[in-house]
Protein backbone atom coordinates (compact mmCIF):
# COMPACT_ATOMS: atom_id res chain seq x y z
CA MET A 1 108.35 135.29 40.78
CA GLU A 2 109.68 137.72 43.38
CA GLY A 3 106.66 137.03 45.62
CA LEU A 4 107.22 133.26 45.41
CA ASN A 5 110.89 133.67 46.35
CA PHE A 6 109.86 135.74 49.38
CA LEU A 7 107.34 133.05 50.35
CA ARG A 8 110.04 130.36 50.12
CA PHE A 9 112.50 132.42 52.16
CA HIS A 10 109.89 133.27 54.81
CA PHE A 11 108.58 129.70 55.10
CA ILE A 12 112.05 128.11 55.40
CA ASN A 13 113.14 130.73 57.95
CA ASN A 14 110.04 130.02 60.06
CA LEU A 15 110.69 126.30 59.73
CA LYS A 16 114.30 126.77 60.92
CA GLU A 17 113.13 128.92 63.83
CA SER A 18 110.49 126.46 64.99
CA HIS A 19 112.86 123.50 64.62
CA SER A 20 115.51 125.32 66.62
CA LEU A 21 113.02 126.04 69.39
CA ARG A 22 111.48 122.57 69.45
CA PHE A 23 114.64 120.47 69.17
CA GLY A 24 117.45 122.86 70.10
CA SER A 25 118.88 122.82 66.56
CA SER A 26 117.81 123.62 63.02
CA ASN A 27 120.36 121.26 61.43
CA ASP A 28 117.61 119.11 59.86
CA ILE A 29 116.37 122.14 57.91
CA LEU A 30 119.83 123.48 57.10
CA SER A 31 120.91 120.10 55.72
CA MET A 32 117.73 119.55 53.70
CA GLN A 33 118.43 118.92 50.02
CA THR A 34 117.28 121.61 47.61
CA ARG A 35 115.08 119.05 45.85
CA ASP A 36 113.26 118.27 49.14
CA GLU A 37 112.87 121.96 49.98
CA GLN A 38 111.32 122.56 46.55
CA ARG A 39 108.92 119.61 46.97
CA LEU A 40 107.87 120.95 50.37
CA ILE A 41 107.19 124.45 48.99
CA GLU A 42 105.49 123.17 45.83
CA GLY A 43 103.33 120.84 47.91
CA LEU A 44 102.09 123.87 49.86
CA ARG A 45 101.76 126.08 46.82
CA ARG A 46 99.82 123.55 44.75
CA HIS A 47 97.86 122.05 47.67
CA ASN A 48 99.56 118.71 47.02
CA TYR A 49 99.28 117.03 50.41
CA GLU A 50 101.31 113.95 49.45
CA ASN A 51 104.35 115.92 48.25
CA PHE A 52 104.29 118.21 51.26
CA TRP A 53 103.68 115.48 53.83
CA GLU A 54 106.32 113.12 52.48
CA ILE A 55 109.00 115.69 53.34
CA ASN A 56 107.34 117.29 56.39
CA GLN A 57 106.65 114.00 58.15
CA GLY A 58 110.35 113.21 58.31
CA LEU A 59 110.99 116.64 59.86
CA ARG A 60 108.40 116.38 62.60
CA ASP A 61 108.00 112.70 63.51
CA ARG A 62 109.93 112.59 66.74
CA SER A 63 109.33 111.45 70.28
CA ILE A 64 108.23 114.12 72.73
CA SER A 65 111.33 113.21 74.73
CA GLU A 66 113.38 114.97 72.00
CA PHE A 67 111.41 118.22 72.28
CA LYS A 68 113.04 121.13 74.09
CA LYS A 69 110.41 123.86 73.75
CA TYR A 70 107.01 124.34 72.19
CA ALA A 71 107.14 126.70 69.22
CA ILE A 72 104.09 128.88 69.77
CA ARG A 73 103.17 132.16 68.13
CA ILE A 74 100.15 133.94 69.62
CA LEU A 75 98.49 136.53 67.37
CA SER A 76 96.26 139.38 68.52
CA ASN A 77 93.85 140.68 65.93
CA ARG A 78 93.02 143.62 68.19
CA HIS A 79 96.61 144.85 68.45
CA HIS A 80 97.83 143.48 65.09
CA THR A 81 100.91 141.94 66.65
CA TYR A 82 102.16 138.61 67.95
CA VAL A 83 104.02 137.14 70.89
CA GLN A 84 106.47 134.26 70.56
CA ALA A 85 106.00 132.18 73.72
CA ASN A 86 108.93 129.91 74.57
CA ILE A 87 107.52 127.18 76.78
CA ASP A 88 109.79 124.41 78.04
CA VAL A 89 108.45 120.93 77.34
CA GLN A 90 110.43 119.35 80.15
CA ARG A 91 109.11 120.98 83.30
CA GLY A 92 109.61 119.72 86.80
CA GLU A 93 112.24 117.97 88.85
CA GLU A 94 112.36 114.80 86.76
CA VAL A 95 114.81 116.07 84.14
CA LYS A 96 117.85 113.81 83.86
CA GLU A 97 121.40 115.11 84.03
CA GLY A 98 121.67 115.11 80.21
CA GLY A 99 118.50 117.20 79.92
CA ALA A 100 116.32 114.52 78.31
CA LEU A 101 113.55 112.45 79.82
CA ASP A 102 113.01 108.79 79.14
CA GLU A 103 109.58 107.51 78.05
CA GLN A 104 108.54 106.40 81.54
CA GLN A 105 109.35 109.83 82.98
CA MET A 106 107.44 111.50 80.14
CA GLN A 107 104.29 109.53 81.02
CA HIS A 108 104.35 110.89 84.58
CA MET A 109 105.22 114.46 83.66
CA PRO A 110 102.36 116.95 84.14
CA GLN A 111 100.73 117.98 80.87
CA VAL A 112 101.19 121.62 79.90
CA SER A 113 97.84 122.93 78.69
CA LEU A 114 96.97 125.82 76.40
CA GLY A 115 95.54 127.61 79.45
CA ASP A 116 98.84 127.18 81.34
CA VAL A 117 100.71 128.87 78.50
CA LEU A 118 98.22 131.71 78.17
CA LEU A 119 98.21 132.32 81.94
CA GLU A 120 102.02 132.40 81.99
CA THR A 121 102.24 134.63 78.90
CA PHE A 122 99.28 136.95 79.60
CA PRO A 123 98.69 137.10 83.38
CA ARG A 124 96.44 140.17 83.01
CA LEU A 125 94.03 138.29 80.76
CA PHE A 126 93.87 134.89 82.50
CA GLU A 127 93.61 133.62 86.05
CA SER A 128 93.65 130.28 87.83
CA GLN A 129 90.60 129.44 89.92
CA ILE A 130 89.00 126.49 91.66
CA ALA A 131 86.31 124.79 89.54
CA GLU A 132 83.12 123.25 90.97
CA SER A 133 84.87 119.88 90.76
CA GLY A 134 87.53 121.19 93.14
CA GLU A 135 90.25 121.14 90.49
CA LEU A 136 92.34 124.11 89.46
CA GLU A 137 91.36 125.59 86.09
CA ILE A 138 92.42 128.50 83.93
CA ALA A 139 89.77 131.13 83.19
CA LYS A 140 89.62 134.30 81.09
CA LYS A 141 89.32 137.56 83.03
CA LYS A 142 87.66 139.30 80.07
CA GLN A 143 85.29 138.23 77.32
CA PHE A 144 87.22 137.18 74.18
CA GLU A 145 87.86 134.08 72.10
CA VAL A 146 90.95 131.90 71.89
CA ILE A 147 90.95 130.55 68.34
CA ILE A 148 93.30 128.02 66.75
CA GLN A 149 93.03 127.49 63.00
CA GLY A 150 89.51 129.00 63.02
CA VAL A 151 88.17 126.86 65.90
CA GLU A 152 87.57 128.10 69.44
CA ALA A 153 90.05 126.29 71.67
CA ASP A 154 89.46 124.64 75.02
CA LEU A 155 91.96 126.01 77.54
CA ASN A 156 92.42 122.51 79.02
CA THR A 157 93.79 121.11 75.74
CA PRO A 158 97.29 119.64 76.23
CA LEU A 159 99.87 121.64 74.30
CA TYR A 160 101.54 118.51 72.94
CA TRP A 161 98.26 117.50 71.33
CA LEU A 162 97.89 120.89 69.63
């Protein structure tokens, strides 16, 4: 039972951390009822998608205009370590005085791609270059794979979509 308690503690702490990064506060997690926390953990533990998703959906269904940062953890299997990249969602001059964008402004905001984040976080491994189409693209300087959940990722994928 000690291992399960550690799993619960670790999962909830990661959930608080990611919520705090994404929305600027972890109050939703801190105020979660014990019964809901248990259903969330048991849903994961027993592979019960309905139990897990019923609780998790309420925690994550928000407009992008409420996001503050993307919660991204980049793992390196070569160095057996990770980097926590803190990437602002609201980039550019359009940010209102209160710090939030309205929906119309969000539609015109440039998309932050996976390649943008990797270039910013690891400038020795990535570079920007002009593609044959004349557009700017992010390229790897060395031969390696960028994998997300077991699938090789396209560097042009918008971060919000991921």
